[in-house]
Amino acid sequence: MQIELFLETIIPYITGFLESIGVIIITVASIKAIINIIKSGFDLGNENLKIELGKALALSLEFKLAAEILKTVIIRTLDEFLILAAITFLRIIISFVIHWEVEAMEKKEIEKQEANI
């Protein structure tokens, strides 16, 4: 019973911390991307910028997903579980799509570099 009370007390802080890390990663990556877009003269076709931002988004989603997994420990009702399951499912799908897009862009960039050699 004391472990349960301890977990109910500490998990919101841990999940808040993990979600904050995800927000910080997104913020820093977005600022870097904006600065790099300005430096490149608004070249929106720059694949490296897209790859870097995509990787940062994927990493931030991993932190947010970790927070969601921890939240499952303190769920009390079926409604809470269904909401958390839906959020987790959506984050997994988004993460998968971002990973897929980043891999495709990296492969395209490698092919472009090989063609220039």
N, C-alpha and C. Protein backbone atom coordinates (compact mmCIF):
# COMPACT_ATOMS: atom_id res chain seq x y z
N MET A 1 0.81 -1.19 0.00
CA MET A 1 0.00 0.00 0.00
C MET A 1 0.86 1.26 0.00
N GLN A 2 1.99 1.24 0.70
CA GLN A 2 2.84 2.42 0.74
C GLN A 2 3.56 2.63 -0.59
N ILE A 3 3.90 1.52 -1.25
CA ILE A 3 4.54 1.64 -2.56
C ILE A 3 3.56 2.27 -3.54
N GLU A 4 2.30 1.86 -3.47
CA GLU A 4 1.27 2.40 -4.34
C GLU A 4 1.11 3.90 -4.11
N LEU A 5 1.07 4.31 -2.88
CA LEU A 5 0.96 5.72 -2.53
C LEU A 5 2.19 6.50 -3.02
N PHE A 6 3.36 5.90 -2.84
CA PHE A 6 4.60 6.52 -3.31
C PHE A 6 4.57 6.72 -4.82
N LEU A 7 4.15 5.67 -5.56
CA LEU A 7 4.08 5.75 -7.01
C LEU A 7 3.07 6.81 -7.47
N GLU A 8 1.92 6.85 -6.80
CA GLU A 8 0.90 7.84 -7.14
C GLU A 8 1.41 9.26 -6.90
N THR A 9 2.31 9.41 -5.96
CA THR A 9 2.86 10.73 -5.65
C THR A 9 3.95 11.13 -6.61
N ILE A 10 4.84 10.20 -6.93
CA ILE A 10 6.04 10.54 -7.71
C ILE A 10 5.85 10.47 -9.22
N ILE A 11 4.99 9.60 -9.70
CA ILE A 11 4.84 9.42 -11.16
C ILE A 11 4.40 10.71 -11.87
N PRO A 12 3.48 11.50 -11.33
CA PRO A 12 3.15 12.75 -12.03
C PRO A 12 4.36 13.67 -12.22
N TYR A 13 5.27 13.70 -11.25
CA TYR A 13 6.48 14.52 -11.38
C TYR A 13 7.41 13.96 -12.45
N ILE A 14 7.56 12.63 -12.45
CA ILE A 14 8.43 12.00 -13.44
C ILE A 14 7.87 12.19 -14.84
N THR A 15 6.56 11.97 -15.01
CA THR A 15 5.97 12.14 -16.34
C THR A 15 6.01 13.59 -16.79
N GLY A 16 5.81 14.50 -15.86
CA GLY A 16 5.92 15.92 -16.20
C GLY A 16 7.33 16.26 -16.66
N PHE A 17 8.32 15.70 -15.98
CA PHE A 17 9.72 15.92 -16.35
C PHE A 17 10.00 15.36 -17.75
N LEU A 18 9.55 14.13 -18.01
CA LEU A 18 9.78 13.51 -19.32
C LEU A 18 9.09 14.29 -20.44
N GLU A 19 7.86 14.74 -20.18
CA GLU A 19 7.14 15.51 -21.18
C GLU A 19 7.81 16.86 -21.41
N SER A 20 8.36 17.45 -20.35
CA SER A 20 9.09 18.72 -20.49
C SER A 20 10.33 18.55 -21.35
N ILE A 21 11.02 17.45 -21.17
CA ILE A 21 12.19 17.17 -22.01
C ILE A 21 11.77 17.09 -23.48
N GLY A 22 10.65 16.43 -23.73
CA GLY A 22 10.13 16.35 -25.11
C GLY A 22 9.82 17.73 -25.67
N VAL A 23 9.22 18.58 -24.87
CA VAL A 23 8.91 19.94 -25.31
C VAL A 23 10.18 20.73 -25.58
N ILE A 24 11.17 20.59 -24.71
CA ILE A 24 12.45 21.30 -24.89
C ILE A 24 13.13 20.85 -26.18
N ILE A 25 13.11 19.54 -26.44
CA ILE A 25 13.73 19.02 -27.67
C ILE A 25 13.04 19.62 -28.89
N ILE A 26 11.72 19.64 -28.90
CA ILE A 26 10.98 20.21 -30.03
C ILE A 26 11.30 21.69 -30.19
N THR A 27 11.34 22.42 -29.09
CA THR A 27 11.59 23.86 -29.14
C THR A 27 12.98 24.15 -29.68
N VAL A 28 13.99 23.48 -29.13
CA VAL A 28 15.37 23.72 -29.57
C VAL A 28 15.54 23.34 -31.04
N ALA A 29 15.00 22.19 -31.43
CA ALA A 29 15.12 21.75 -32.83
C ALA A 29 14.40 22.70 -33.77
N SER A 30 13.25 23.21 -33.36
CA SER A 30 12.51 24.15 -34.20
C SER A 30 13.27 25.46 -34.37
N ILE A 31 13.84 25.96 -33.29
CA ILE A 31 14.63 27.19 -33.37
C ILE A 31 15.83 26.98 -34.28
N LYS A 32 16.52 25.84 -34.13
CA LYS A 32 17.67 25.55 -35.00
C LYS A 32 17.24 25.46 -36.46
N ALA A 33 16.09 24.84 -36.71
CA ALA A 33 15.60 24.70 -38.08
C ALA A 33 15.26 26.07 -38.67
N ILE A 34 14.63 26.92 -37.88
CA ILE A 34 14.29 28.27 -38.36
C ILE A 34 15.55 29.05 -38.68
N ILE A 35 16.53 28.99 -37.80
CA ILE A 35 17.80 29.69 -38.04
C ILE A 35 18.47 29.16 -39.30
N ASN A 36 18.49 27.85 -39.47
CA ASN A 36 19.12 27.26 -40.66
C ASN A 36 18.35 27.59 -41.94
N ILE A 37 17.04 27.69 -41.86
CA ILE A 37 16.24 28.07 -43.03
C ILE A 37 16.58 29.51 -43.42
N ILE A 38 16.68 30.38 -42.43
CA ILE A 38 17.02 31.78 -42.71
C ILE A 38 18.43 31.86 -43.32
N LYS A 39 19.38 31.11 -42.74
CA LYS A 39 20.76 31.12 -43.26
C LYS A 39 20.83 30.59 -44.69
N SER A 40 19.97 29.63 -45.03
CA SER A 40 20.02 29.05 -46.37
C SER A 40 19.23 29.88 -47.38
N GLY A 41 18.75 31.03 -46.97
CA GLY A 41 18.00 31.88 -47.90
C GLY A 41 16.62 31.32 -48.19
N PHE A 42 16.00 30.72 -47.19
CA PHE A 42 14.66 30.15 -47.28
C PHE A 42 14.57 29.05 -48.33
N ASP A 43 15.63 28.21 -48.37
CA ASP A 43 15.64 27.04 -49.24
C ASP A 43 14.85 25.93 -48.55
N LEU A 44 13.57 25.85 -48.86
CA LEU A 44 12.69 24.88 -48.19
C LEU A 44 12.87 23.46 -48.71
N GLY A 45 13.69 23.28 -49.71
CA GLY A 45 13.94 21.95 -50.25
C GLY A 45 15.15 21.28 -49.63
N ASN A 46 15.75 21.91 -48.63
CA ASN A 46 16.96 21.37 -48.00
C ASN A 46 16.60 20.12 -47.19
N GLU A 47 17.02 18.97 -47.70
CA GLU A 47 16.68 17.69 -47.06
C GLU A 47 17.34 17.53 -45.69
N ASN A 48 18.55 18.08 -45.53
CA ASN A 48 19.24 17.94 -44.24
C ASN A 48 18.46 18.61 -43.11
N LEU A 49 17.85 19.76 -43.40
CA LEU A 49 17.03 20.44 -42.39
C LEU A 49 15.84 19.57 -42.00
N LYS A 50 15.21 18.98 -42.99
CA LYS A 50 14.05 18.13 -42.73
C LYS A 50 14.44 16.90 -41.92
N ILE A 51 15.59 16.32 -42.25
CA ILE A 51 16.06 15.13 -41.54
C ILE A 51 16.35 15.46 -40.08
N GLU A 52 17.05 16.57 -39.85
CA GLU A 52 17.38 16.97 -38.47
C GLU A 52 16.12 17.23 -37.65
N LEU A 53 15.18 17.97 -38.23
CA LEU A 53 13.94 18.27 -37.51
C LEU A 53 13.13 16.99 -37.27
N GLY A 54 13.09 16.13 -38.26
CA GLY A 54 12.36 14.86 -38.12
C GLY A 54 12.94 14.00 -37.02
N LYS A 55 14.27 13.94 -36.95
CA LYS A 55 14.92 13.15 -35.89
C LYS A 55 14.61 13.73 -34.51
N ALA A 56 14.61 15.04 -34.41
CA ALA A 56 14.29 15.68 -33.13
C ALA A 56 12.84 15.41 -32.73
N LEU A 57 11.94 15.47 -33.68
CA LEU A 57 10.53 15.18 -33.39
C LEU A 57 10.35 13.73 -32.93
N ALA A 58 11.06 12.83 -33.59
CA ALA A 58 10.98 11.42 -33.21
C ALA A 58 11.52 11.21 -31.80
N LEU A 59 12.63 11.86 -31.48
CA LEU A 59 13.21 11.74 -30.15
C LEU A 59 12.27 12.31 -29.09
N SER A 60 11.67 13.44 -29.38
CA SER A 60 10.75 14.04 -28.41
C SER A 60 9.53 13.14 -28.19
N LEU A 61 9.06 12.52 -29.25
CA LEU A 61 7.93 11.59 -29.11
C LEU A 61 8.29 10.39 -28.25
N GLU A 62 9.53 9.95 -28.31
CA GLU A 62 9.97 8.84 -27.47
C GLU A 62 9.88 9.21 -25.99
N PHE A 63 10.29 10.43 -25.65
CA PHE A 63 10.17 10.88 -24.27
C PHE A 63 8.71 10.98 -23.85
N LYS A 64 7.87 11.50 -24.74
CA LYS A 64 6.45 11.63 -24.42
C LYS A 64 5.80 10.25 -24.29
N LEU A 65 6.23 9.32 -25.11
CA LEU A 65 5.70 7.96 -25.03
C LEU A 65 6.12 7.29 -23.72
N ALA A 66 7.36 7.54 -23.29
CA ALA A 66 7.82 7.01 -22.00
C ALA A 66 6.94 7.53 -20.86
N ALA A 67 6.58 8.79 -20.94
CA ALA A 67 5.71 9.37 -19.92
C ALA A 67 4.34 8.70 -19.93
N GLU A 68 3.82 8.44 -21.12
CA GLU A 68 2.51 7.78 -21.21
C GLU A 68 2.56 6.37 -20.63
N ILE A 69 3.63 5.67 -20.87
CA ILE A 69 3.77 4.31 -20.34
C ILE A 69 3.78 4.35 -18.80
N LEU A 70 4.51 5.31 -18.25
CA LEU A 70 4.53 5.43 -16.79
C LEU A 70 3.15 5.77 -16.21
N LYS A 71 2.37 6.53 -16.95
CA LYS A 71 1.04 6.90 -16.48
C LYS A 71 0.13 5.68 -16.32
N THR A 72 0.44 4.58 -17.03
CA THR A 72 -0.41 3.40 -16.92
C THR A 72 -0.38 2.81 -15.51
N VAL A 73 0.66 3.12 -14.75
CA VAL A 73 0.78 2.59 -13.39
C VAL A 73 -0.29 3.16 -12.47
N ILE A 74 -0.71 4.40 -12.71
CA ILE A 74 -1.64 5.05 -11.78
C ILE A 74 -3.07 5.17 -12.31
N ILE A 75 -3.38 4.42 -13.35
CA ILE A 75 -4.73 4.44 -13.90
C ILE A 75 -5.70 3.75 -12.95
N ARG A 76 -6.85 4.36 -12.76
CA ARG A 76 -7.86 3.81 -11.84
C ARG A 76 -9.13 3.33 -12.56
N THR A 77 -9.49 3.95 -13.67
CA THR A 77 -10.75 3.61 -14.33
C THR A 77 -10.52 3.18 -15.77
N LEU A 78 -11.52 2.53 -16.33
CA LEU A 78 -11.46 2.10 -17.72
C LEU A 78 -11.42 3.30 -18.66
N ASP A 79 -12.15 4.37 -18.31
CA ASP A 79 -12.14 5.57 -19.14
C ASP A 79 -10.74 6.16 -19.23
N GLU A 80 -10.04 6.24 -18.10
CA GLU A 80 -8.67 6.75 -18.11
C GLU A 80 -7.78 5.87 -18.98
N PHE A 81 -7.98 4.55 -18.87
CA PHE A 81 -7.17 3.62 -19.66
C PHE A 81 -7.42 3.81 -21.15
N LEU A 82 -8.69 3.95 -21.55
CA LEU A 82 -9.01 4.11 -22.96
C LEU A 82 -8.43 5.40 -23.53
N ILE A 83 -8.49 6.48 -22.76
CA ILE A 83 -7.92 7.75 -23.21
C ILE A 83 -6.41 7.61 -23.36
N LEU A 84 -5.78 7.03 -22.35
CA LEU A 84 -4.32 6.85 -22.39
C LEU A 84 -3.91 5.92 -23.53
N ALA A 85 -4.69 4.87 -23.76
CA ALA A 85 -4.39 3.94 -24.86
C ALA A 85 -4.51 4.65 -26.20
N ALA A 86 -5.52 5.49 -26.37
CA ALA A 86 -5.68 6.23 -27.62
C ALA A 86 -4.52 7.19 -27.85
N ILE A 87 -4.13 7.92 -26.81
CA ILE A 87 -3.00 8.85 -26.92
C ILE A 87 -1.72 8.10 -27.26
N THR A 88 -1.49 6.99 -26.56
CA THR A 88 -0.29 6.19 -26.81
C THR A 88 -0.29 5.65 -28.23
N PHE A 89 -1.42 5.15 -28.68
CA PHE A 89 -1.53 4.62 -30.04
C PHE A 89 -1.22 5.69 -31.08
N LEU A 90 -1.79 6.88 -30.90
CA LEU A 90 -1.54 7.97 -31.84
C LEU A 90 -0.08 8.38 -31.85
N ARG A 91 0.55 8.43 -30.67
CA ARG A 91 1.96 8.80 -30.60
C ARG A 91 2.84 7.74 -31.26
N ILE A 92 2.47 6.48 -31.11
CA ILE A 92 3.24 5.41 -31.76
C ILE A 92 3.12 5.53 -33.28
N ILE A 93 1.92 5.78 -33.78
CA ILE A 93 1.70 5.93 -35.22
C ILE A 93 2.49 7.13 -35.75
N ILE A 94 2.40 8.25 -35.05
CA ILE A 94 3.14 9.45 -35.48
C ILE A 94 4.64 9.18 -35.47
N SER A 95 5.12 8.53 -34.43
CA SER A 95 6.54 8.21 -34.33
C SER A 95 6.97 7.31 -35.48
N PHE A 96 6.16 6.31 -35.79
CA PHE A 96 6.46 5.41 -36.91
C PHE A 96 6.53 6.17 -38.22
N VAL A 97 5.58 7.05 -38.45
CA VAL A 97 5.55 7.83 -39.70
C VAL A 97 6.78 8.73 -39.79
N ILE A 98 7.15 9.37 -38.70
CA ILE A 98 8.33 10.24 -38.71
C ILE A 98 9.58 9.43 -38.99
N HIS A 99 9.74 8.28 -38.33
CA HIS A 99 10.90 7.43 -38.60
C HIS A 99 10.94 7.01 -40.06
N TRP A 100 9.81 6.65 -40.60
CA TRP A 100 9.73 6.22 -42.00
C TRP A 100 10.13 7.35 -42.94
N GLU A 101 9.62 8.56 -42.68
CA GLU A 101 9.95 9.71 -43.52
C GLU A 101 11.44 10.07 -43.42
N VAL A 102 12.00 10.03 -42.20
CA VAL A 102 13.41 10.35 -42.02
C VAL A 102 14.27 9.35 -42.77
N GLU A 103 13.95 8.06 -42.66
CA GLU A 103 14.72 7.05 -43.38
C GLU A 103 14.64 7.26 -44.89
N ALA A 104 13.45 7.61 -45.38
CA ALA A 104 13.30 7.85 -46.81
C ALA A 104 14.11 9.07 -47.25
N MET A 105 14.09 10.13 -46.45
CA MET A 105 14.87 11.32 -46.79
C MET A 105 16.37 11.05 -46.73
N GLU A 106 16.81 10.28 -45.72
CA GLU A 106 18.23 9.94 -45.62
C GLU A 106 18.67 9.11 -46.83
N LYS A 107 17.84 8.15 -47.22
CA LYS A 107 18.16 7.31 -48.37
C LYS A 107 18.23 8.16 -49.64
N LYS A 108 17.31 9.09 -49.78
CA LYS A 108 17.29 9.99 -50.94
C LYS A 108 18.54 10.87 -50.94
N GLU A 109 18.93 11.37 -49.78
CA GLU A 109 20.12 12.22 -49.66
C GLU A 109 21.39 11.44 -50.00
N ILE A 110 21.47 10.18 -49.55
CA ILE A 110 22.63 9.33 -49.86
C ILE A 110 22.71 9.06 -51.36
N GLU A 111 21.56 8.77 -51.97
CA GLU A 111 21.53 8.53 -53.42
C GLU A 111 21.95 9.78 -54.18
N LYS A 112 21.54 10.94 -53.70
CA LYS A 112 21.91 12.20 -54.34
C LYS A 112 23.41 12.44 -54.24
N GLN A 113 23.99 12.14 -53.08
CA GLN A 113 25.42 12.32 -52.88
C GLN A 113 26.23 11.34 -53.75
N GLU A 114 25.74 10.09 -53.85
CA GLU A 114 26.41 9.11 -54.68
C GLU A 114 26.35 9.49 -56.15
N ALA A 115 25.27 10.11 -56.57
CA ALA A 115 25.12 10.53 -57.96
C ALA A 115 26.08 11.68 -58.29
N ASN A 116 26.42 12.48 -57.28
CA ASN A 116 27.32 13.60 -57.49
C ASN A 116 28.78 13.18 -57.49
N ILE A 117 29.07 11.97 -57.06
CA ILE A 117 30.47 11.49 -56.99
C ILE A 117 30.96 11.05 -58.32
